[in-house]
Amino acid sequence: TTTTTTTTTTRAMRASVVSRGGAARRGAVVVSRAGKAPTTVEYQRQQAKMMVKYFKDKQYEEAVEDAQVFGFTPKNEINNGRWTMFGLLVGMLTEIATGVDFPDQINLTLSVLGITDFEP
């Protein structure tokens, strides 16, 4: 029992030293808690490089999306909604002022511009 306790304590101390930063040298092994394969510092470096590349690519994609001018972008859709609300407001105010309802206003505008020739 003394040998088993000493071995367990030694393993715990090694894992403690490694997890506190004692694994700064190449090839050091970090013992995982779940009993999986040990994780090397080189593996951690590779994972960190992949993570940095992922976030740089993500940042680039966001920059491209923000630079997009045409199409269904959030900024364009907000502006389309604002112009629609403004047009409906002007149509309602014109209806109050003149007594001509909104569809007849559109018909009148198209007739005056010579696009169509609808007669009411």
PDB file of N, CA and C in Angstrom:
ATOM      1  N   THR A   1       0.813  -1.203   0.000  1.00  0.00           N
ATOM      2  CA  THR A   1       0.000   0.000   0.000  1.00  0.00           C
ATOM      3  C   THR A   1       0.852   1.262   0.000  1.00  0.00           C
ATOM      4  N   THR A   2       2.003   1.209   0.635  1.00  0.00           N
ATOM      5  CA  THR A   2       2.875   2.381   0.660  1.00  0.00           C
ATOM      6  C   THR A   2       3.409   2.685  -0.736  1.00  0.00           C
ATOM      7  N   THR A   3       3.759   1.666  -1.512  1.00  0.00           N
ATOM      8  CA  THR A   3       4.265   1.859  -2.868  1.00  0.00           C
ATOM      9  C   THR A   3       3.182   2.432  -3.766  1.00  0.00           C
ATOM     10  N   THR A   4       1.962   1.942  -3.634  1.00  0.00           N
ATOM     11  CA  THR A   4       0.848   2.439  -4.446  1.00  0.00           C
ATOM     12  C   THR A   4       0.564   3.895  -4.108  1.00  0.00           C
ATOM     13  N   THR A   5       0.594   4.245  -2.842  1.00  0.00           N
ATOM     14  CA  THR A   5       0.347   5.631  -2.431  1.00  0.00           C
ATOM     15  C   THR A   5       1.454   6.539  -2.934  1.00  0.00           C
ATOM     16  N   THR A   6       2.691   6.088  -2.857  1.00  0.00           N
ATOM     17  CA  THR A   6       3.824   6.889  -3.325  1.00  0.00           C
ATOM     18  C   THR A   6       3.750   7.096  -4.836  1.00  0.00           C
ATOM     19  N   THR A   7       3.422   6.052  -5.570  1.00  0.00           N
ATOM     20  CA  THR A   7       3.304   6.158  -7.032  1.00  0.00           C
ATOM     21  C   THR A   7       2.181   7.117  -7.401  1.00  0.00           C
ATOM     22  N   THR A   8       1.049   7.015  -6.747  1.00  0.00           N
ATOM     23  CA  THR A   8      -0.084   7.903  -7.017  1.00  0.00           C
ATOM     24  C   THR A   8       0.289   9.343  -6.678  1.00  0.00           C
ATOM     25  N   THR A   9       0.968   9.552  -5.561  1.00  0.00           N
ATOM     26  CA  THR A   9       1.377  10.898  -5.169  1.00  0.00           C
ATOM     27  C   THR A   9       2.387  11.469  -6.161  1.00  0.00           C
ATOM     28  N   THR A  10       3.328  10.643  -6.625  1.00  0.00           N
ATOM     29  CA  THR A  10       4.319  11.095  -7.593  1.00  0.00           C
ATOM     30  C   THR A  10       3.655  11.497  -8.899  1.00  0.00           C
ATOM     31  N   ARG A  11       2.705  10.709  -9.365  1.00  0.00           N
ATOM     32  CA  ARG A  11       1.979  11.050 -10.601  1.00  0.00           C
ATOM     33  C   ARG A  11       1.208  12.358 -10.435  1.00  0.00           C
ATOM     34  N   ALA A  12       0.581  12.530  -9.286  1.00  0.00           N
ATOM     35  CA  ALA A  12      -0.181  13.757  -9.031  1.00  0.00           C
ATOM     36  C   ALA A  12       0.735  14.969  -9.011  1.00  0.00           C
ATOM     37  N   MET A  13       1.930  14.799  -8.410  1.00  0.00           N
ATOM     38  CA  MET A  13       2.882  15.914  -8.364  1.00  0.00           C
ATOM     39  C   MET A  13       3.378  16.270  -9.762  1.00  0.00           C
ATOM     40  N   ARG A  14       3.654  15.240 -10.595  1.00  0.00           N
ATOM     41  CA  ARG A  14       4.102  15.507 -11.973  1.00  0.00           C
ATOM     42  C   ARG A  14       3.021  16.240 -12.759  1.00  0.00           C
ATOM     43  N   ALA A  15       1.799  15.764 -12.625  1.00  0.00           N
ATOM     44  CA  ALA A  15       0.689  16.420 -13.326  1.00  0.00           C
ATOM     45  C   ALA A  15       0.517  17.834 -12.828  1.00  0.00           C
ATOM     46  N   SER A  16       0.714  18.064 -11.543  1.00  0.00           N
ATOM     47  CA  SER A  16       0.591  19.392 -10.969  1.00  0.00           C
ATOM     48  C   SER A  16       1.662  20.317 -11.506  1.00  0.00           C
ATOM     49  N   VAL A  17       2.902  19.826 -11.586  1.00  0.00           N
ATOM     50  CA  VAL A  17       4.005  20.641 -12.098  1.00  0.00           C
ATOM     51  C   VAL A  17       3.772  20.972 -13.558  1.00  0.00           C
ATOM     52  N   VAL A  18       3.337  19.986 -14.338  1.00  0.00           N
ATOM     53  CA  VAL A  18       3.105  20.202 -15.765  1.00  0.00           C
ATOM     54  C   VAL A  18       1.969  21.196 -15.971  1.00  0.00           C
ATOM     55  N   SER A  19       0.881  21.085 -15.197  1.00  0.00           N
ATOM     56  CA  SER A  19      -0.252  21.979 -15.393  1.00  0.00           C
ATOM     57  C   SER A  19       0.039  23.393 -14.923  1.00  0.00           C
ATOM     58  N   ARG A  20       1.039  23.598 -14.092  1.00  0.00           N
ATOM     59  CA  ARG A  20       1.381  24.941 -13.620  1.00  0.00           C
ATOM     60  C   ARG A  20       2.346  25.660 -14.537  1.00  0.00           C
ATOM     61  N   GLY A  21       2.686  25.074 -15.657  1.00  0.00           N
ATOM     62  CA  GLY A  21       3.569  25.763 -16.580  1.00  0.00           C
ATOM     63  C   GLY A  21       4.940  25.142 -16.633  1.00  0.00           C
ATOM     64  N   GLY A  22       5.148  24.020 -15.962  1.00  0.00           N
ATOM     65  CA  GLY A  22       6.430  23.357 -16.018  1.00  0.00           C
ATOM     66  C   GLY A  22       6.637  22.648 -17.342  1.00  0.00           C
ATOM     67  N   ALA A  23       5.639  22.683 -18.233  1.00  0.00           N
ATOM     68  CA  ALA A  23       5.712  21.991 -19.515  1.00  0.00           C
ATOM     69  C   ALA A  23       6.094  22.929 -20.641  1.00  0.00           C
ATOM     70  N   ALA A  24       6.904  23.915 -20.396  1.00  0.00           N
ATOM     71  CA  ALA A  24       7.251  24.886 -21.417  1.00  0.00           C
ATOM     72  C   ALA A  24       8.231  24.318 -22.432  1.00  0.00           C
ATOM     73  N   ARG A  25       8.883  23.221 -22.103  1.00  0.00           N
ATOM     74  CA  ARG A  25       9.849  22.646 -23.038  1.00  0.00           C
ATOM     75  C   ARG A  25       9.122  21.746 -24.034  1.00  0.00           C
ATOM     76  N   ARG A  26       9.755  21.501 -25.182  1.00  0.00           N
ATOM     77  CA  ARG A  26       9.144  20.671 -26.224  1.00  0.00           C
ATOM     78  C   ARG A  26       9.035  19.229 -25.751  1.00  0.00           C
ATOM     79  N   GLY A  27       7.955  18.596 -26.181  1.00  0.00           N
ATOM     80  CA  GLY A  27       7.780  17.191 -25.890  1.00  0.00           C
ATOM     81  C   GLY A  27       7.215  16.913 -24.510  1.00  0.00           C
ATOM     82  N   ALA A  28       6.921  17.926 -23.730  1.00  0.00           N
ATOM     83  CA  ALA A  28       6.353  17.693 -22.413  1.00  0.00           C
ATOM     84  C   ALA A  28       4.953  17.144 -22.566  1.00  0.00           C
ATOM     85  N   VAL A  29       4.550  16.318 -21.649  1.00  0.00           N
ATOM     86  CA  VAL A  29       3.263  15.652 -21.738  1.00  0.00           C
ATOM     87  C   VAL A  29       2.382  16.107 -20.589  1.00  0.00           C
ATOM     88  N   VAL A  30       1.152  16.465 -20.920  1.00  0.00           N
ATOM     89  CA  VAL A  30       0.171  16.837 -19.904  1.00  0.00           C
ATOM     90  C   VAL A  30      -0.768  15.658 -19.745  1.00  0.00           C
ATOM     91  N   VAL A  31      -0.914  15.183 -18.521  1.00  0.00           N
ATOM     92  CA  VAL A  31      -1.777  14.036 -18.267  1.00  0.00           C
ATOM     93  C   VAL A  31      -3.209  14.525 -18.203  1.00  0.00           C
ATOM     94  N   SER A  32      -4.081  13.925 -19.018  1.00  0.00           N
ATOM     95  CA  SER A  32      -5.476  14.345 -19.017  1.00  0.00           C
ATOM     96  C   SER A  32      -6.208  13.674 -17.865  1.00  0.00           C
ATOM     97  N   ARG A  33      -7.261  14.293 -17.419  1.00  0.00           N
ATOM     98  CA  ARG A  33      -8.009  13.799 -16.269  1.00  0.00           C
ATOM     99  C   ARG A  33      -8.888  12.606 -16.623  1.00  0.00           C
ATOM    100  N   ALA A  34      -9.387  12.572 -17.842  1.00  0.00           N
ATOM    101  CA  ALA A  34     -10.349  11.550 -18.227  1.00  0.00           C
ATOM    102  C   ALA A  34      -9.676  10.243 -18.621  1.00  0.00           C
ATOM    103  N   GLY A  35      -8.371  10.154 -18.536  1.00  0.00           N
ATOM    104  CA  GLY A  35      -7.677   8.932 -18.881  1.00  0.00           C
ATOM    105  C   GLY A  35      -7.496   8.771 -20.376  1.00  0.00           C
ATOM    106  N   LYS A  36      -7.685   9.816 -21.137  1.00  0.00           N
ATOM    107  CA  LYS A  36      -7.502   9.773 -22.587  1.00  0.00           C
ATOM    108  C   LYS A  36      -6.019   9.839 -22.887  1.00  0.00           C
ATOM    109  N   ALA A  37      -5.699   9.876 -24.168  1.00  0.00           N
ATOM    110  CA  ALA A  37      -4.303   9.962 -24.581  1.00  0.00           C
ATOM    111  C   ALA A  37      -3.708  11.274 -24.073  1.00  0.00           C
ATOM    112  N   PRO A  38      -2.433  11.260 -23.719  1.00  0.00           N
ATOM    113  CA  PRO A  38      -1.810  12.489 -23.212  1.00  0.00           C
ATOM    114  C   PRO A  38      -1.750  13.581 -24.275  1.00  0.00           C
ATOM    115  N   THR A  39      -1.802  14.822 -23.845  1.00  0.00           N
ATOM    116  CA  THR A  39      -1.773  15.972 -24.732  1.00  0.00           C
ATOM    117  C   THR A  39      -0.379  16.590 -24.681  1.00  0.00           C
ATOM    118  N   THR A  40       0.243  16.714 -25.845  1.00  0.00           N
ATOM    119  CA  THR A  40       1.586  17.280 -25.892  1.00  0.00           C
ATOM    120  C   THR A  40       1.505  18.779 -26.130  1.00  0.00           C
ATOM    121  N   VAL A  41       2.602  19.445 -25.843  1.00  0.00           N
ATOM    122  CA  VAL A  41       2.669  20.889 -26.063  1.00  0.00           C
ATOM    123  C   VAL A  41       2.600  21.178 -27.564  1.00  0.00           C
ATOM    124  N   GLU A  42       3.212  20.313 -28.365  1.00  0.00           N
ATOM    125  CA  GLU A  42       3.181  20.496 -29.821  1.00  0.00           C
ATOM    126  C   GLU A  42       1.747  20.424 -30.345  1.00  0.00           C
ATOM    127  N   TYR A  43       0.956  19.488 -29.814  1.00  0.00           N
ATOM    128  CA  TYR A  43      -0.446  19.389 -30.196  1.00  0.00           C
ATOM    129  C   TYR A  43      -1.201  20.660 -29.822  1.00  0.00           C
ATOM    130  N   GLN A  44      -0.925  21.191 -28.640  1.00  0.00           N
ATOM    131  CA  GLN A  44      -1.575  22.427 -28.211  1.00  0.00           C
ATOM    132  C   GLN A  44      -1.180  23.587 -29.118  1.00  0.00           C
ATOM    133  N   ARG A  45       0.078  23.632 -29.543  1.00  0.00           N
ATOM    134  CA  ARG A  45       0.510  24.692 -30.471  1.00  0.00           C
ATOM    135  C   ARG A  45      -0.233  24.600 -31.795  1.00  0.00           C
ATOM    136  N   GLN A  46      -0.370  23.380 -32.310  1.00  0.00           N
ATOM    137  CA  GLN A  46      -1.099  23.193 -33.564  1.00  0.00           C
ATOM    138  C   GLN A  46      -2.547  23.651 -33.424  1.00  0.00           C
ATOM    139  N   GLN A  47      -3.169  23.282 -32.324  1.00  0.00           N
ATOM    140  CA  GLN A  47      -4.559  23.685 -32.102  1.00  0.00           C
ATOM    141  C   GLN A  47      -4.688  25.204 -31.982  1.00  0.00           C
ATOM    142  N   ALA A  48      -3.714  25.831 -31.320  1.00  0.00           N
ATOM    143  CA  ALA A  48      -3.738  27.290 -31.183  1.00  0.00           C
ATOM    144  C   ALA A  48      -3.582  27.957 -32.540  1.00  0.00           C
ATOM    145  N   LYS A  49      -2.693  27.428 -33.389  1.00  0.00           N
ATOM    146  CA  LYS A  49      -2.518  27.988 -34.735  1.00  0.00           C
ATOM    147  C   LYS A  49      -3.787  27.838 -35.556  1.00  0.00           C
ATOM    148  N   MET A  50      -4.452  26.682 -35.447  1.00  0.00           N
ATOM    149  CA  MET A  50      -5.702  26.475 -36.175  1.00  0.00           C
ATOM    150  C   MET A  50      -6.779  27.438 -35.685  1.00  0.00           C
ATOM    151  N   MET A  51      -6.805  27.689 -34.375  1.00  0.00           N
ATOM    152  CA  MET A  51      -7.790  28.601 -33.813  1.00  0.00           C
ATOM    153  C   MET A  51      -7.538  30.028 -34.286  1.00  0.00           C
ATOM    154  N   VAL A  52      -6.284  30.445 -34.334  1.00  0.00           N
ATOM    155  CA  VAL A  52      -5.943  31.786 -34.818  1.00  0.00           C
ATOM    156  C   VAL A  52      -6.352  31.924 -36.279  1.00  0.00           C
ATOM    157  N   LYS A  53      -6.077  30.899 -37.086  1.00  0.00           N
ATOM    158  CA  LYS A  53      -6.467  30.936 -38.506  1.00  0.00           C
ATOM    159  C   LYS A  53      -7.984  31.026 -38.649  1.00  0.00           C
ATOM    160  N   TYR A  54      -8.713  30.262 -37.837  1.00  0.00           N
ATOM    161  CA  TYR A  54     -10.175  30.289 -37.886  1.00  0.00           C
ATOM    162  C   TYR A  54     -10.707  31.692 -37.605  1.00  0.00           C
ATOM    163  N   PHE A  55     -10.192  32.345 -36.559  1.00  0.00           N
ATOM    164  CA  PHE A  55     -10.704  33.665 -36.203  1.00  0.00           C
ATOM    165  C   PHE A  55     -10.280  34.731 -37.219  1.00  0.00           C
ATOM    166  N   LYS A  56      -9.112  34.580 -37.838  1.00  0.00           N
ATOM    167  CA  LYS A  56      -8.720  35.516 -38.897  1.00  0.00           C
ATOM    168  C   LYS A  56      -9.636  35.365 -40.099  1.00  0.00           C
ATOM    169  N   ASP A  57      -9.956  34.115 -40.462  1.00  0.00           N
ATOM    170  CA  ASP A  57     -10.888  33.884 -41.574  1.00  0.00           C
ATOM    171  C   ASP A  57     -12.269  34.438 -41.256  1.00  0.00           C
ATOM    172  N   LYS A  58     -12.718  34.251 -40.023  1.00  0.00           N
ATOM    173  CA  LYS A  58     -14.031  34.763 -39.621  1.00  0.00           C
ATOM    174  C   LYS A  58     -14.064  36.290 -39.679  1.00  0.00           C
ATOM    175  N   GLN A  59     -12.979  36.924 -39.241  1.00  0.00           N
ATOM    176  CA  GLN A  59     -12.888  38.385 -39.289  1.00  0.00           C
ATOM    177  C   GLN A  59     -12.899  38.867 -40.738  1.00  0.00           C
ATOM    178  N   TYR A  60     -12.214  38.144 -41.630  1.00  0.00           N
ATOM    179  CA  TYR A  60     -12.198  38.503 -43.046  1.00  0.00           C
ATOM    180  C   TYR A  60     -13.597  38.380 -43.651  1.00  0.00           C
ATOM    181  N   GLU A  61     -14.316  37.301 -43.317  1.00  0.00           N
ATOM    182  CA  GLU A  61     -15.675  37.121 -43.834  1.00  0.00           C
ATOM    183  C   GLU A  61     -16.599  38.248 -43.377  1.00  0.00           C
ATOM    184  N   GLU A  62     -16.471  38.675 -42.121  1.00  0.00           N
ATOM    185  CA  GLU A  62     -17.289  39.777 -41.623  1.00  0.00           C
ATOM    186  C   GLU A  62     -16.961  41.076 -42.345  1.00  0.00           C
ATOM    187  N   ALA A  63     -15.670  41.295 -42.649  1.00  0.00           N
ATOM    188  CA  ALA A  63     -15.270  42.504 -43.366  1.00  0.00           C
ATOM    189  C   ALA A  63     -15.835  42.495 -44.777  1.00  0.00           C
ATOM    190  N   VAL A  64     -15.837  41.332 -45.431  1.00  0.00           N
ATOM    191  CA  VAL A  64     -16.393  41.221 -46.782  1.00  0.00           C
ATOM    192  C   VAL A  64     -17.893  41.472 -46.739  1.00  0.00           C
ATOM    193  N   GLU A  65     -18.567  40.912 -45.735  1.00  0.00           N
ATOM    194  CA  GLU A  65     -20.012  41.100 -45.614  1.00  0.00           C
ATOM    195  C   GLU A  65     -20.358  42.567 -45.376  1.00  0.00           C
ATOM    196  N   ASP A  66     -19.560  43.246 -44.547  1.00  0.00           N
ATOM    197  CA  ASP A  66     -19.811  44.665 -44.284  1.00  0.00           C
ATOM    198  C   ASP A  66     -19.535  45.520 -45.511  1.00  0.00           C
ATOM    199  N   ALA A  67     -18.613  45.080 -46.367  1.00  0.00           N
ATOM    200  CA  ALA A  67     -18.253  45.857 -47.551  1.00  0.00           C
ATOM    201  C   ALA A  67     -19.228  45.644 -48.700  1.00  0.00           C
ATOM    202  N   GLN A  68     -20.086  44.644 -48.605  1.00  0.00           N
ATOM    203  CA  GLN A  68     -21.039  44.356 -49.675  1.00  0.00           C
ATOM    204  C   GLN A  68     -22.055  45.494 -49.788  1.00  0.00           C
ATOM    205  N   VAL A  69     -22.225  45.986 -51.010  1.00  0.00           N
ATOM    206  CA  VAL A  69     -23.106  47.134 -51.228  1.00  0.00           C
ATOM    207  C   VAL A  69     -24.444  46.699 -51.798  1.00  0.00           C
ATOM    208  N   PHE A  70     -24.431  45.782 -52.748  1.00  0.00           N
ATOM    209  CA  PHE A  70     -25.657  45.353 -53.408  1.00  0.00           C
ATOM    210  C   PHE A  70     -26.139  44.035 -52.828  1.00  0.00           C
ATOM    211  N   GLY A  71     -27.438  43.781 -52.950  1.00  0.00           N
ATOM    212  CA  GLY A  71     -27.988  42.515 -52.489  1.00  0.00           C
ATOM    213  C   GLY A  71     -28.783  42.677 -51.208  1.00  0.00           C
ATOM    214  N   PHE A  72     -29.129  41.550 -50.626  1.00  0.00           N
ATOM    215  CA  PHE A  72     -29.944  41.525 -49.418  1.00  0.00           C
ATOM    216  C   PHE A  72     -29.058  41.614 -48.185  1.00  0.00           C
ATOM    217  N   THR A  73     -28.512  42.783 -47.951  1.00  0.00           N
ATOM    218  CA  THR A  73     -27.716  42.997 -46.751  1.00  0.00           C
ATOM    219  C   THR A  73     -28.603  43.641 -45.690  1.00  0.00           C
ATOM    220  N   PRO A  74     -28.270  43.493 -44.419  1.00  0.00           N
ATOM    221  CA  PRO A  74     -29.104  44.091 -43.365  1.00  0.00           C
ATOM    222  C   PRO A  74     -29.267  45.602 -43.517  1.00  0.00           C
ATOM    223  N   LYS A  75     -28.202  46.300 -43.916  1.00  0.00           N
ATOM    224  CA  LYS A  75     -28.299  47.756 -44.079  1.00  0.00           C
ATOM    225  C   LYS A  75     -29.277  48.115 -45.193  1.00  0.00           C
ATOM    226  N   ASN A  76     -29.204  47.392 -46.325  1.00  0.00           N
ATOM    227  CA  ASN A  76     -30.115  47.672 -47.431  1.00  0.00           C
ATOM    228  C   ASN A  76     -31.561  47.399 -47.057  1.00  0.00           C
ATOM    229  N   GLU A  77     -31.786  46.326 -46.323  1.00  0.00           N
ATOM    230  CA  GLU A  77     -33.156  45.998 -45.933  1.00  0.00           C
ATOM    231  C   GLU A  77     -33.725  47.029 -44.960  1.00  0.00           C
ATOM    232  N   ILE A  78     -32.915  47.550 -44.087  1.00  0.00           N
ATOM    233  CA  ILE A  78     -33.377  48.605 -43.172  1.00  0.00           C
ATOM    234  C   ILE A  78     -33.755  49.851 -43.964  1.00  0.00           C
ATOM    235  N   ASN A  79     -32.912  50.219 -44.931  1.00  0.00           N
ATOM    236  CA  ASN A  79     -33.231  51.395 -45.753  1.00  0.00           C
ATOM    237  C   ASN A  79     -34.493  51.178 -46.583  1.00  0.00           C
ATOM    238  N   ASN A  80     -34.680  49.978 -47.146  1.00  0.00           N
ATOM    239  CA  ASN A  80     -35.898  49.693 -47.912  1.00  0.00           C
ATOM    240  C   ASN A  80     -37.135  49.848 -47.028  1.00  0.00           C
ATOM    241  N   GLY A  81     -37.065  49.352 -45.810  1.00  0.00           N
ATOM    242  CA  GLY A  81     -38.196  49.488 -44.889  1.00  0.00           C
ATOM    243  C   GLY A  81     -38.488  50.932 -44.540  1.00  0.00           C
ATOM    244  N   ARG A  82     -37.438  51.712 -44.352  1.00  0.00           N
ATOM    245  CA  ARG A  82     -37.638  53.133 -44.024  1.00  0.00           C
ATOM    246  C   ARG A  82     -38.286  53.880 -45.188  1.00  0.00           C
ATOM    247  N   TRP A  83     -37.818  53.617 -46.422  1.00  0.00           N
ATOM    248  CA  TRP A  83     -38.408  54.289 -47.580  1.00  0.00           C
ATOM    249  C   TRP A  83     -39.866  53.875 -47.784  1.00  0.00           C
ATOM    250  N   THR A  84     -40.176  52.624 -47.493  1.00  0.00           N
ATOM    251  CA  THR A  84     -41.561  52.161 -47.611  1.00  0.00           C
ATOM    252  C   THR A  84     -42.453  52.874 -46.590  1.00  0.00           C
ATOM    253  N   MET A  85     -41.992  52.967 -45.360  1.00  0.00           N
ATOM    254  CA  MET A  85     -42.783  53.675 -44.339  1.00  0.00           C
ATOM    255  C   MET A  85     -42.968  55.145 -44.713  1.00  0.00           C
ATOM    256  N   PHE A  86     -41.915  55.755 -45.250  1.00  0.00           N
ATOM    257  CA  PHE A  86     -42.016  57.155 -45.659  1.00  0.00           C
ATOM    258  C   PHE A  86     -43.039  57.315 -46.791  1.00  0.00           C
ATOM    259  N   GLY A  87     -43.004  56.403 -47.769  1.00  0.00           N
ATOM    260  CA  GLY A  87     -43.961  56.468 -48.880  1.00  0.00           C
ATOM    261  C   GLY A  87     -45.394  56.294 -48.429  1.00  0.00           C
ATOM    262  N   LEU A  88     -45.627  55.362 -47.510  1.00  0.00           N
ATOM    263  CA  LEU A  88     -46.986  55.176 -46.997  1.00  0.00           C
ATOM    264  C   LEU A  88     -47.455  56.389 -46.209  1.00  0.00           C
ATOM    265  N   LEU A  89     -46.565  57.001 -45.442  1.00  0.00           N
ATOM    266  CA  LEU A  89     -46.917  58.208 -44.698  1.00  0.00           C
ATOM    267  C   LEU A  89     -47.296  59.343 -45.641  1.00  0.00           C
ATOM    268  N   VAL A  90     -46.506  59.534 -46.689  1.00  0.00           N
ATOM    269  CA  VAL A  90     -46.808  60.593 -47.662  1.00  0.00           C
ATOM    270  C   VAL A  90     -48.144  60.297 -48.351  1.00  0.00           C
ATOM    271  N   GLY A  91     -48.394  59.012 -48.678  1.00  0.00           N
ATOM    272  CA  GLY A  91     -49.668  58.652 -49.312  1.00  0.00           C
ATOM    273  C   GLY A  91     -50.853  58.927 -48.407  1.00  0.00           C
ATOM    274  N   MET A  92     -50.719  58.612 -47.115  1.00  0.00           N
ATOM    275  CA  MET A  92     -51.824  58.880 -46.183  1.00  0.00           C
ATOM    276  C   MET A  92     -52.044  60.376 -45.994  1.00  0.00           C
ATOM    277  N   LEU A  93     -50.953  61.136 -45.883  1.00  0.00           N
ATOM    278  CA  LEU A  93     -51.113  62.585 -45.722  1.00  0.00           C
ATOM    279  C   LEU A  93     -51.714  63.222 -46.979  1.00  0.00           C
ATOM    280  N   THR A  94     -51.331  62.720 -48.149  1.00  0.00           N
ATOM    281  CA  THR A  94     -51.916  63.233 -49.395  1.00  0.00           C
ATOM    282  C   THR A  94     -53.396  62.891 -49.469  1.00  0.00           C
ATOM    283  N   GLU A  95     -53.761  61.699 -49.017  1.00  0.00           N
ATOM    284  CA  GLU A  95     -55.173  61.321 -49.014  1.00  0.00           C
ATOM    285  C   GLU A  95     -55.978  62.224 -48.093  1.00  0.00           C
ATOM    286  N   ILE A  96     -55.413  62.571 -46.936  1.00  0.00           N
ATOM    287  CA  ILE A  96     -56.101  63.479 -46.013  1.00  0.00           C
ATOM    288  C   ILE A  96     -56.249  64.860 -46.650  1.00  0.00           C
ATOM    289  N   ALA A  97     -55.204  65.326 -47.320  1.00  0.00           N
ATOM    290  CA  ALA A  97     -55.221  66.678 -47.889  1.00  0.00           C
ATOM    291  C   ALA A  97     -56.101  66.784 -49.131  1.00  0.00           C
ATOM    292  N   THR A  98     -56.110  65.756 -49.996  1.00  0.00           N
ATOM    293  CA  THR A  98     -56.828  65.874 -51.275  1.00  0.00           C
ATOM    294  C   THR A  98     -58.116  65.069 -51.336  1.00  0.00           C
ATOM    295  N   GLY A  99     -58.255  64.056 -50.513  1.00  0.00           N
ATOM    296  CA  GLY A  99     -59.442  63.209 -50.560  1.00  0.00           C
ATOM    297  C   GLY A  99     -59.317  62.077 -51.567  1.00  0.00           C
ATOM    298  N   VAL A 100     -58.200  61.952 -52.265  1.00  0.00           N
ATOM    299  CA  VAL A 100     -57.989  60.877 -53.243  1.00  0.00           C
ATOM    300  C   VAL A 100     -57.302  59.718 -52.505  1.00  0.00           C
ATOM    301  N   ASP A 101     -57.898  58.505 -52.635  1.00  0.00           N
ATOM    302  CA  ASP A 101     -57.300  57.386 -51.904  1.00  0.00           C
ATOM    303  C   ASP A 101     -55.990  56.922 -52.558  1.00  0.00           C
ATOM    304  N   PHE A 102     -55.261  56.072 -51.842  1.00  0.00           N
ATOM    305  CA  PHE A 102     -53.895  55.715 -52.224  1.00  0.00           C
ATOM    306  C   PHE A 102     -53.809  55.023 -53.594  1.00  0.00           C
ATOM    307  N   PRO A 103     -54.644  54.005 -53.906  1.00  0.00           N
ATOM    308  CA  PRO A 103     -54.573  53.401 -55.252  1.00  0.00           C
ATOM    309  C   PRO A 103     -54.871  54.405 -56.365  1.00  0.00           C
ATOM    310  N   ASP A 104     -55.806  55.316 -56.133  1.00  0.00           N
ATOM    311  CA  ASP A 104     -56.107  56.321 -57.157  1.00  0.00           C
ATOM    312  C   ASP A 104     -54.963  57.325 -57.305  1.00  0.00           C
ATOM    313  N   GLN A 105     -54.226  57.580 -56.224  1.00  0.00           N
ATOM    314  CA  GLN A 105     -53.043  58.453 -56.322  1.00  0.00           C
ATOM    315  C   GLN A 105     -51.994  57.820 -57.234  1.00  0.00           C
ATOM    316  N   ILE A 106     -51.785  56.509 -57.065  1.00  0.00           N
ATOM    317  CA  ILE A 106     -50.816  55.817 -57.916  1.00  0.00           C
ATOM    318  C   ILE A 106     -51.288  55.839 -59.363  1.00  0.00           C
ATOM    319  N   ASN A 107     -52.557  55.576 -59.584  1.00  0.00           N
ATOM    320  CA  ASN A 107     -53.126  55.608 -60.936  1.00  0.00           C
ATOM    321  C   ASN A 107     -52.971  56.991 -61.555  1.00  0.00           C
ATOM    322  N   LEU A 108     -53.262  58.046 -60.793  1.00  0.00           N
ATOM    323  CA  LEU A 108     -53.139  59.414 -61.282  1.00  0.00           C
ATOM    324  C   LEU A 108     -51.688  59.748 -61.621  1.00  0.00           C
ATOM    325  N   THR A 109     -50.769  59.334 -60.761  1.00  0.00           N
ATOM    326  CA  THR A 109     -49.347  59.602 -61.005  1.00  0.00           C
ATOM    327  C   THR A 109     -48.881  58.912 -62.277  1.00  0.00           C
ATOM    328  N   LEU A 110     -49.254  57.640 -62.459  1.00  0.00           N
ATOM    329  CA  LEU A 110     -48.849  56.912 -63.660  1.00  0.00           C
ATOM    330  C   LEU A 110     -49.474  57.510 -64.917  1.00  0.00           C
ATOM    331  N   SER A 111     -50.716  58.023 -64.818  1.00  0.00           N
ATOM    332  CA  SER A 111     -51.372  58.658 -65.967  1.00  0.00           C
ATOM    333  C   SER A 111     -50.694  59.980 -66.324  1.00  0.00           C
ATOM    334  N   VAL A 112     -50.341  60.774 -65.310  1.00  0.00           N
ATOM    335  CA  VAL A 112     -49.692  62.064 -65.554  1.00  0.00           C
ATOM    336  C   VAL A 112     -48.312  61.865 -66.173  1.00  0.00           C
ATOM    337  N   LEU A 113     -47.601  60.845 -65.735  1.00  0.00           N
ATOM    338  CA  LEU A 113     -46.279  60.574 -66.292  1.00  0.00           C
ATOM    339  C   LEU A 113     -46.342  59.920 -67.669  1.00  0.00           C
ATOM    340  N   GLY A 114     -47.509  59.518 -68.101  1.00  0.00           N
ATOM    341  CA  GLY A 114     -47.664  58.916 -69.421  1.00  0.00           C
ATOM    342  C   GLY A 114     -47.272  57.452 -69.472  1.00  0.00           C
ATOM    343  N   ILE A 115     -47.169  56.819 -68.349  1.00  0.00           N
ATOM    344  CA  ILE A 115     -46.799  55.403 -68.332  1.00  0.00           C
ATOM    345  C   ILE A 115     -48.007  54.551 -68.663  1.00  0.00           C
ATOM    346  N   THR A 116     -49.148  54.867 -68.073  1.00  0.00           N
ATOM    347  CA  THR A 116     -50.392  54.156 -68.365  1.00  0.00           C
ATOM    348  C   THR A 116     -51.482  55.194 -68.647  1.00  0.00           C
ATOM    349  N   ASP A 117     -52.600  54.689 -69.182  1.00  0.00           N
ATOM    350  CA  ASP A 117     -53.703  55.599 -69.459  1.00  0.00           C
ATOM    351  C   ASP A 117     -54.991  54.992 -68.927  1.00  0.00           C
ATOM    352  N   PHE A 118     -55.050  54.874 -67.590  1.00  0.00           N
ATOM    353  CA  PHE A 118     -56.257  54.342 -66.957  1.00  0.00           C
ATOM    354  C   PHE A 118     -57.245  55.465 -66.765  1.00  0.00           C
ATOM    355  N   GLU A 119     -58.483  55.167 -67.072  1.00  0.00           N
ATOM    356  CA  GLU A 119     -59.551  56.138 -66.825  1.00  0.00           C
ATOM    357  C   GLU A 119     -60.399  55.608 -65.684  1.00  0.00           C
ATOM    358  N   PRO A 120     -60.621  56.399 -64.650  1.00  0.00           N
ATOM    359  CA  PRO A 120     -61.432  55.911 -63.518  1.00  0.00           C
ATOM    360  C   PRO A 120     -62.893  55.793 -63.848  1.00  0.00           C
TER     361      PRO A 120
END
